[in-house]
Structure formats: C-alpha cells, structure tokens
C-alpha cells in the first residue's frame, strides 16, 4: 500500500465526500483516489481529514483489472 502512495501514477478527486471522516469545520472530508498500475491497477482511497494536522486517513484499498 505504501508503495502505491509513494509511487503513484494518478491522483484524482471525483467530488466524493466521506461520511465517516470530517474536516476542521465538521463537514465530510473529500476523498482522493491514488492509483498505481502494477499488472492491474491498485487503488487507494483516502479521506483527507485535516490539513492543519497534515494527516490523511486510508478508507479503503482494492485491486482491479486494467480495462483494455
């Protein structure tokens, strides 16, 4: 998982908010998708919880096949 975060190919924000994590204002935190292509694509979804604390919390991780 850390390999993907440190060597990502793509980072995207799809407008999805996390209902389980909040920002400093108490609003749902934005979820960021980080992906790395490794014989398939490994995705890590993170909730950016606190920019003041400079912490990201991993919500979920999964592996999926590359669509040709």
PDB file of N, CA and C in Angstrom:
ATOM      1  N   UNK A   1       0.812  -1.175   0.000  1.00  0.00           N
ATOM      2  CA  UNK A   1       0.000   0.000   0.000  1.00  0.00           C
ATOM      3  C   UNK A   1       0.871   1.260   0.000  1.00  0.00           C
ATOM      4  N   UNK A   2       1.915   1.307   0.823  1.00  0.00           N
ATOM      5  CA  UNK A   2       2.773   2.493   0.861  1.00  0.00           C
ATOM      6  C   UNK A   2       3.516   2.686  -0.445  1.00  0.00           C
ATOM      7  N   UNK A   3       3.839   1.574  -1.137  1.00  0.00           N
ATOM      8  CA  UNK A   3       4.494   1.682  -2.440  1.00  0.00           C
ATOM      9  C   UNK A   3       3.626   2.474  -3.418  1.00  0.00           C
ATOM     10  N   UNK A   4       2.358   2.191  -3.409  1.00  0.00           N
ATOM     11  CA  UNK A   4       1.417   2.890  -4.300  1.00  0.00           C
ATOM     12  C   UNK A   4       1.357   4.372  -3.943  1.00  0.00           C
ATOM     13  N   UNK A   5       1.278   4.689  -2.675  1.00  0.00           N
ATOM     14  CA  UNK A   5       1.202   6.081  -2.249  1.00  0.00           C
ATOM     15  C   UNK A   5       2.473   6.837  -2.614  1.00  0.00           C
ATOM     16  N   UNK A   6       3.613   6.217  -2.444  1.00  0.00           N
ATOM     17  CA  UNK A   6       4.885   6.887  -2.718  1.00  0.00           C
ATOM     18  C   UNK A   6       5.237   6.925  -4.209  1.00  0.00           C
ATOM     19  N   UNK A   7       4.653   6.024  -5.024  1.00  0.00           N
ATOM     20  CA  UNK A   7       4.991   5.910  -6.445  1.00  0.00           C
ATOM     21  C   UNK A   7       3.760   5.960  -7.344  1.00  0.00           C
ATOM     22  N   UNK A   8       2.780   6.741  -7.005  1.00  0.00           N
ATOM     23  CA  UNK A   8       1.510   6.768  -7.721  1.00  0.00           C
ATOM     24  C   UNK A   8       1.667   7.207  -9.175  1.00  0.00           C
ATOM     25  N   UNK A   9       0.735   6.750 -10.012  1.00  0.00           N
ATOM     26  CA  UNK A   9       0.648   7.185 -11.407  1.00  0.00           C
ATOM     27  C   UNK A   9      -0.388   8.295 -11.575  1.00  0.00           C
ATOM     28  N   UNK A  10      -1.421   8.264 -10.739  1.00  0.00           N
ATOM     29  CA  UNK A  10      -2.511   9.224 -10.893  1.00  0.00           C
ATOM     30  C   UNK A  10      -3.146   9.532  -9.549  1.00  0.00           C
ATOM     31  N   UNK A  11      -3.540  10.785  -9.373  1.00  0.00           N
ATOM     32  CA  UNK A  11      -4.317  11.220  -8.210  1.00  0.00           C
ATOM     33  C   UNK A  11      -5.523  11.956  -8.747  1.00  0.00           C
ATOM     34  N   UNK A  12      -6.705  11.609  -8.256  1.00  0.00           N
ATOM     35  CA  UNK A  12      -7.905  12.285  -8.731  1.00  0.00           C
ATOM     36  C   UNK A  12      -8.884  12.525  -7.588  1.00  0.00           C
ATOM     37  N   UNK A  13      -9.699  13.545  -7.778  1.00  0.00           N
ATOM     38  CA  UNK A  13     -10.786  13.857  -6.860  1.00  0.00           C
ATOM     39  C   UNK A  13     -12.063  13.853  -7.682  1.00  0.00           C
ATOM     40  N   UNK A  14     -12.973  12.955  -7.347  1.00  0.00           N
ATOM     41  CA  UNK A  14     -14.207  12.789  -8.112  1.00  0.00           C
ATOM     42  C   UNK A  14     -15.409  13.474  -7.466  1.00  0.00           C
ATOM     43  N   UNK A  15     -15.162  14.348  -6.508  1.00  0.00           N
ATOM     44  CA  UNK A  15     -16.257  15.048  -5.847  1.00  0.00           C
ATOM     45  C   UNK A  15     -16.952  14.237  -4.771  1.00  0.00           C
ATOM     46  N   UNK A  16     -16.366  13.106  -4.379  1.00  0.00           N
ATOM     47  CA  UNK A  16     -16.971  12.237  -3.374  1.00  0.00           C
ATOM     48  C   UNK A  16     -16.504  12.680  -1.988  1.00  0.00           C
ATOM     49  N   UNK A  17     -17.448  12.745  -1.052  1.00  0.00           N
ATOM     50  CA  UNK A  17     -17.135  13.104   0.322  1.00  0.00           C
ATOM     51  C   UNK A  17     -17.310  11.899   1.223  1.00  0.00           C
ATOM     52  N   UNK A  18     -16.484  11.810   2.240  1.00  0.00           N
ATOM     53  CA  UNK A  18     -16.532  10.688   3.177  1.00  0.00           C
ATOM     54  C   UNK A  18     -17.493  10.981   4.314  1.00  0.00           C
ATOM     55  N   UNK A  19     -18.511  10.139   4.506  1.00  0.00           N
ATOM     56  CA  UNK A  19     -19.434  10.371   5.614  1.00  0.00           C
ATOM     57  C   UNK A  19     -18.813  10.032   6.969  1.00  0.00           C
ATOM     58  N   UNK A  20     -17.725   9.234   6.981  1.00  0.00           N
ATOM     59  CA  UNK A  20     -17.125   8.803   8.240  1.00  0.00           C
ATOM     60  C   UNK A  20     -16.003   9.686   8.745  1.00  0.00           C
ATOM     61  N   UNK A  21     -15.507  10.599   7.919  1.00  0.00           N
ATOM     62  CA  UNK A  21     -14.413  11.484   8.310  1.00  0.00           C
ATOM     63  C   UNK A  21     -14.825  12.930   8.055  1.00  0.00           C
ATOM     64  N   UNK A  22     -14.414  13.818   8.942  1.00  0.00           N
ATOM     65  CA  UNK A  22     -14.769  15.224   8.790  1.00  0.00           C
ATOM     66  C   UNK A  22     -13.529  16.112   8.758  1.00  0.00           C
ATOM     67  N   UNK A  23     -13.685  17.301   8.202  1.00  0.00           N
ATOM     68  CA  UNK A  23     -12.604  18.281   8.191  1.00  0.00           C
ATOM     69  C   UNK A  23     -12.684  19.143   9.456  1.00  0.00           C
ATOM     70  N   UNK A  24     -11.876  20.197   9.529  1.00  0.00           N
ATOM     71  CA  UNK A  24     -11.842  21.058  10.714  1.00  0.00           C
ATOM     72  C   UNK A  24     -13.181  21.722  11.009  1.00  0.00           C
ATOM     73  N   UNK A  25     -13.985  21.941   9.977  1.00  0.00           N
ATOM     74  CA  UNK A  25     -15.284  22.592  10.136  1.00  0.00           C
ATOM     75  C   UNK A  25     -16.408  21.633  10.494  1.00  0.00           C
ATOM     76  N   UNK A  26     -16.116  20.337  10.529  1.00  0.00           N
ATOM     77  CA  UNK A  26     -17.141  19.345  10.821  1.00  0.00           C
ATOM     78  C   UNK A  26     -17.873  18.845   9.594  1.00  0.00           C
ATOM     79  N   UNK A  27     -17.448  19.279   8.405  1.00  0.00           N
ATOM     80  CA  UNK A  27     -18.050  18.821   7.151  1.00  0.00           C
ATOM     81  C   UNK A  27     -17.401  17.520   6.702  1.00  0.00           C
ATOM     82  N   UNK A  28     -18.101  16.698   5.916  1.00  0.00           N
ATOM     83  CA  UNK A  28     -17.486  15.475   5.401  1.00  0.00           C
ATOM     84  C   UNK A  28     -16.199  15.786   4.615  1.00  0.00           C
ATOM     85  N   UNK A  29     -15.161  15.005   4.837  1.00  0.00           N
ATOM     86  CA  UNK A  29     -13.861  15.230   4.193  1.00  0.00           C
ATOM     87  C   UNK A  29     -13.880  14.715   2.751  1.00  0.00           C
ATOM     88  N   UNK A  30     -13.192  15.409   1.844  1.00  0.00           N
ATOM     89  CA  UNK A  30     -13.117  14.946   0.451  1.00  0.00           C
ATOM     90  C   UNK A  30     -12.261  13.692   0.335  1.00  0.00           C
ATOM     91  N   UNK A  31     -12.706  12.754  -0.517  1.00  0.00           N
ATOM     92  CA  UNK A  31     -11.961  11.514  -0.733  1.00  0.00           C
ATOM     93  C   UNK A  31     -11.139  11.629  -2.009  1.00  0.00           C
ATOM     94  N   UNK A  32      -9.873  11.259  -1.917  1.00  0.00           N
ATOM     95  CA  UNK A  32      -8.941  11.338  -3.027  1.00  0.00           C
ATOM     96  C   UNK A  32      -8.564   9.924  -3.450  1.00  0.00           C
ATOM     97  N   UNK A  33      -8.547   9.675  -4.774  1.00  0.00           N
ATOM     98  CA  UNK A  33      -8.180   8.352  -5.281  1.00  0.00           C
ATOM     99  C   UNK A  33      -6.751   8.402  -5.817  1.00  0.00           C
ATOM    100  N   UNK A  34      -5.892   7.538  -5.283  1.00  0.00           N
ATOM    101  CA  UNK A  34      -4.499   7.437  -5.722  1.00  0.00           C
ATOM    102  C   UNK A  34      -4.347   6.076  -6.380  1.00  0.00           C
ATOM    103  N   UNK A  35      -3.795   6.038  -7.613  1.00  0.00           N
ATOM    104  CA  UNK A  35      -3.679   4.754  -8.296  1.00  0.00           C
ATOM    105  C   UNK A  35      -2.280   4.540  -8.858  1.00  0.00           C
ATOM    106  N   UNK A  36      -1.906   3.285  -8.933  1.00  0.00           N
ATOM    107  CA  UNK A  36      -0.632   2.853  -9.486  1.00  0.00           C
ATOM    108  C   UNK A  36      -0.878   1.611 -10.328  1.00  0.00           C
ATOM    109  N   UNK A  37      -0.355   1.617 -11.548  1.00  0.00           N
ATOM    110  CA  UNK A  37      -0.514   0.464 -12.450  1.00  0.00           C
ATOM    111  C   UNK A  37       0.572  -0.559 -12.151  1.00  0.00           C
ATOM    112  N   UNK A  38       0.138  -1.748 -11.704  1.00  0.00           N
ATOM    113  CA  UNK A  38       1.048  -2.856 -11.397  1.00  0.00           C
ATOM    114  C   UNK A  38       0.341  -4.142 -11.804  1.00  0.00           C
ATOM    115  N   UNK A  39       0.559  -4.609 -13.024  1.00  0.00           N
ATOM    116  CA  UNK A  39      -0.094  -5.838 -13.512  1.00  0.00           C
ATOM    117  C   UNK A  39      -1.605  -5.807 -13.272  1.00  0.00           C
ATOM    118  N   UNK A  40      -2.191  -4.714 -13.294  1.00  0.00           N
ATOM    119  CA  UNK A  40      -3.576  -4.420 -12.932  1.00  0.00           C
ATOM    120  C   UNK A  40      -3.483  -3.022 -12.349  1.00  0.00           C
ATOM    121  N   UNK A  41      -4.490  -2.532 -11.709  1.00  0.00           N
ATOM    122  CA  UNK A  41      -4.395  -1.222 -11.083  1.00  0.00           C
ATOM    123  C   UNK A  41      -4.755  -1.356  -9.620  1.00  0.00           C
ATOM    124  N   UNK A  42      -3.942  -0.831  -8.777  1.00  0.00           N
ATOM    125  CA  UNK A  42      -4.176  -0.868  -7.345  1.00  0.00           C
ATOM    126  C   UNK A  42      -4.621   0.531  -6.926  1.00  0.00           C
ATOM    127  N   UNK A  43      -5.780   0.654  -6.365  1.00  0.00           N
ATOM    128  CA  UNK A  43      -6.313   1.954  -5.962  1.00  0.00           C
ATOM    129  C   UNK A  43      -6.305   2.099  -4.448  1.00  0.00           C
ATOM    130  N   UNK A  44      -5.978   3.258  -3.963  1.00  0.00           N
ATOM    131  CA  UNK A  44      -6.111   3.568  -2.546  1.00  0.00           C
ATOM    132  C   UNK A  44      -7.022   4.779  -2.440  1.00  0.00           C
ATOM    133  N   UNK A  45      -8.071   4.679  -1.683  1.00  0.00           N
ATOM    134  CA  UNK A  45      -8.967   5.807  -1.466  1.00  0.00           C
ATOM    135  C   UNK A  45      -8.627   6.400  -0.101  1.00  0.00           C
ATOM    136  N   UNK A  46      -8.399   7.703  -0.059  1.00  0.00           N
ATOM    137  CA  UNK A  46      -8.059   8.344   1.203  1.00  0.00           C
ATOM    138  C   UNK A  46      -9.073   9.431   1.534  1.00  0.00           C
ATOM    139  N   UNK A  47      -9.320   9.626   2.800  1.00  0.00           N
ATOM    140  CA  UNK A  47     -10.106  10.767   3.251  1.00  0.00           C
ATOM    141  C   UNK A  47      -9.117  11.790   3.797  1.00  0.00           C
ATOM    142  N   UNK A  48      -9.047  12.954   3.190  1.00  0.00           N
ATOM    143  CA  UNK A  48      -8.151  13.991   3.660  1.00  0.00           C
ATOM    144  C   UNK A  48      -8.837  14.628   4.855  1.00  0.00           C
ATOM    145  N   UNK A  49      -8.446  14.236   6.024  1.00  0.00           N
ATOM    146  CA  UNK A  49      -9.162  14.599   7.232  1.00  0.00           C
ATOM    147  C   UNK A  49      -8.801  15.960   7.787  1.00  0.00           C
ATOM    148  N   UNK A  50      -7.518  16.295   7.848  1.00  0.00           N
ATOM    149  CA  UNK A  50      -7.146  17.551   8.489  1.00  0.00           C
ATOM    150  C   UNK A  50      -5.902  18.133   7.855  1.00  0.00           C
ATOM    151  N   UNK A  51      -6.064  19.244   7.159  1.00  0.00           N
ATOM    152  CA  UNK A  51      -4.899  19.904   6.579  1.00  0.00           C
ATOM    153  C   UNK A  51      -4.060  20.548   7.675  1.00  0.00           C
ATOM    154  N   UNK A  52      -4.693  20.976   8.753  1.00  0.00           N
ATOM    155  CA  UNK A  52      -3.937  21.553   9.866  1.00  0.00           C
ATOM    156  C   UNK A  52      -3.046  20.508  10.527  1.00  0.00           C
ATOM    157  N   UNK A  53      -3.555  19.294  10.672  1.00  0.00           N
ATOM    158  CA  UNK A  53      -2.770  18.210  11.277  1.00  0.00           C
ATOM    159  C   UNK A  53      -1.855  17.540  10.263  1.00  0.00           C
ATOM    160  N   UNK A  54      -2.090  17.839   8.958  1.00  0.00           N
ATOM    161  CA  UNK A  54      -1.324  17.237   7.861  1.00  0.00           C
ATOM    162  C   UNK A  54      -1.414  15.716   7.886  1.00  0.00           C
ATOM    163  N   UNK A  55      -2.638  15.205   8.063  1.00  0.00           N
ATOM    164  CA  UNK A  55      -2.871  13.771   8.105  1.00  0.00           C
ATOM    165  C   UNK A  55      -3.896  13.356   7.075  1.00  0.00           C
ATOM    166  N   UNK A  56      -3.649  12.200   6.456  1.00  0.00           N
ATOM    167  CA  UNK A  56      -4.592  11.546   5.554  1.00  0.00           C
ATOM    168  C   UNK A  56      -4.915  10.185   6.145  1.00  0.00           C
ATOM    169  N   UNK A  57      -6.153   9.799   6.042  1.00  0.00           N
ATOM    170  CA  UNK A  57      -6.580   8.513   6.578  1.00  0.00           C
ATOM    171  C   UNK A  57      -7.047   7.627   5.440  1.00  0.00           C
ATOM    172  N   UNK A  58      -6.493   6.420   5.340  1.00  0.00           N
ATOM    173  CA  UNK A  58      -6.880   5.480   4.293  1.00  0.00           C
ATOM    174  C   UNK A  58      -8.228   4.880   4.662  1.00  0.00           C
ATOM    175  N   UNK A  59      -9.177   5.006   3.749  1.00  0.00           N
ATOM    176  CA  UNK A  59     -10.523   4.496   3.980  1.00  0.00           C
ATOM    177  C   UNK A  59     -10.640   3.078   3.421  1.00  0.00           C
ATOM    178  N   UNK A  60     -10.158   2.874   2.192  1.00  0.00           N
ATOM    179  CA  UNK A  60     -10.246   1.555   1.578  1.00  0.00           C
ATOM    180  C   UNK A  60      -9.152   1.397   0.533  1.00  0.00           C
ATOM    181  N   UNK A  61      -8.809   0.141   0.222  1.00  0.00           N
ATOM    182  CA  UNK A  61      -7.840  -0.167  -0.835  1.00  0.00           C
ATOM    183  C   UNK A  61      -8.327  -1.409  -1.563  1.00  0.00           C
ATOM    184  N   UNK A  62      -8.128  -1.430  -2.895  1.00  0.00           N
ATOM    185  CA  UNK A  62      -8.536  -2.610  -3.648  1.00  0.00           C
ATOM    186  C   UNK A  62      -7.736  -2.733  -4.926  1.00  0.00           C
ATOM    187  N   UNK A  63      -7.781  -3.921  -5.523  1.00  0.00           N
ATOM    188  CA  UNK A  63      -7.108  -4.222  -6.771  1.00  0.00           C
ATOM    189  C   UNK A  63      -8.173  -4.489  -7.831  1.00  0.00           C
ATOM    190  N   UNK A  64      -7.961  -3.952  -9.030  1.00  0.00           N
ATOM    191  CA  UNK A  64      -8.887  -4.189 -10.128  1.00  0.00           C
ATOM    192  C   UNK A  64      -8.112  -4.406 -11.409  1.00  0.00           C
ATOM    193  N   UNK A  65      -8.682  -5.109 -12.353  1.00  0.00           N
ATOM    194  CA  UNK A  65      -8.044  -5.352 -13.654  1.00  0.00           C
ATOM    195  C   UNK A  65      -8.039  -4.100 -14.484  1.00  0.00           C
ATOM    196  N   UNK A  66      -7.029  -3.949 -15.331  1.00  0.00           N
ATOM    197  CA  UNK A  66      -6.958  -2.825 -16.269  1.00  0.00           C
ATOM    198  C   UNK A  66      -7.938  -3.088 -17.400  1.00  0.00           C
ATOM    199  N   UNK A  67      -8.757  -2.108 -17.718  1.00  0.00           N
ATOM    200  CA  UNK A  67      -9.716  -2.252 -18.815  1.00  0.00           C
ATOM    201  C   UNK A  67      -9.020  -1.921 -20.115  1.00  0.00           C
ATOM    202  N   UNK A  68      -9.059  -2.850 -21.052  1.00  0.00           N
ATOM    203  CA  UNK A  68      -8.409  -2.668 -22.359  1.00  0.00           C
ATOM    204  C   UNK A  68      -9.348  -1.987 -23.324  1.00  0.00           C
TER     205      UNK A  68
END
